[in-house]
C-alpha cells in the first residue's frame, strides 16, 4: 500500500502466507468452493488508485488479516493441520500489523470496506517489538515443524484439485464481474 516503505522480513513472511492461502483456496478442499473465485479476486487482484493516480493494493489483504474479511471467519481448509497453521499465522500477522500500523475498519458507500490508521486513545506502553511472534522467522519455522511432525495426522486423500481449471488470471477477474 505504501510505495515508499522499506521491505522487511515480515513482508516476506506475509507474502508466503498469501502463497499458502492462494494454493489452499485454489487447489485444496475447503468449505467455500463456490465462492473461491470471488474470494481470490477480492484478496489477490483488488486494486485502487491512490491520490497520485498510482495503482495500489493491499487494503483487502489487511482487511482479511485483521477481521478475516472477504475470507470469512467460518472459512476452513479440509486439511486440519494446514487449516490450524493458517489460523495461527493469520493471528500472528494481525498482531504484527496492529503493532506497526494500527488499523480500524471504515465502511464507505456500497459497503466497501477500507482501512485507515487508528489514532490511539491513550498513550499506553507497548510491548517491545522483539516480543512479537513475527519479529523474526523463528516462530513461523516452529509452527511448520509442528505441522510437519510425524505425529501430526494429515489427510490421506488430499490430492490437489484445481477449482478453477482452465481459467487465466484475466478470465477469473472478468467472470467475477459478469
Foldseek 3Di string as FASTA:
>chain_A
DDPPDDDDQLNVVLVVLVVLVLQLLFWWDKDPLVCSLVLCCQQPVDWDADPVRDIDDDFSVLCCLQPVPSNDPPIATPWVLSRVLSVVVSPLNNVVCCVVFNWDWDADPPRDIGIDGDDDPDPDDDDDPVPRCVSDCVNNVVSVCVSPPPVHDTDPPTGTDGSDPPDDPVRSNVVSVD
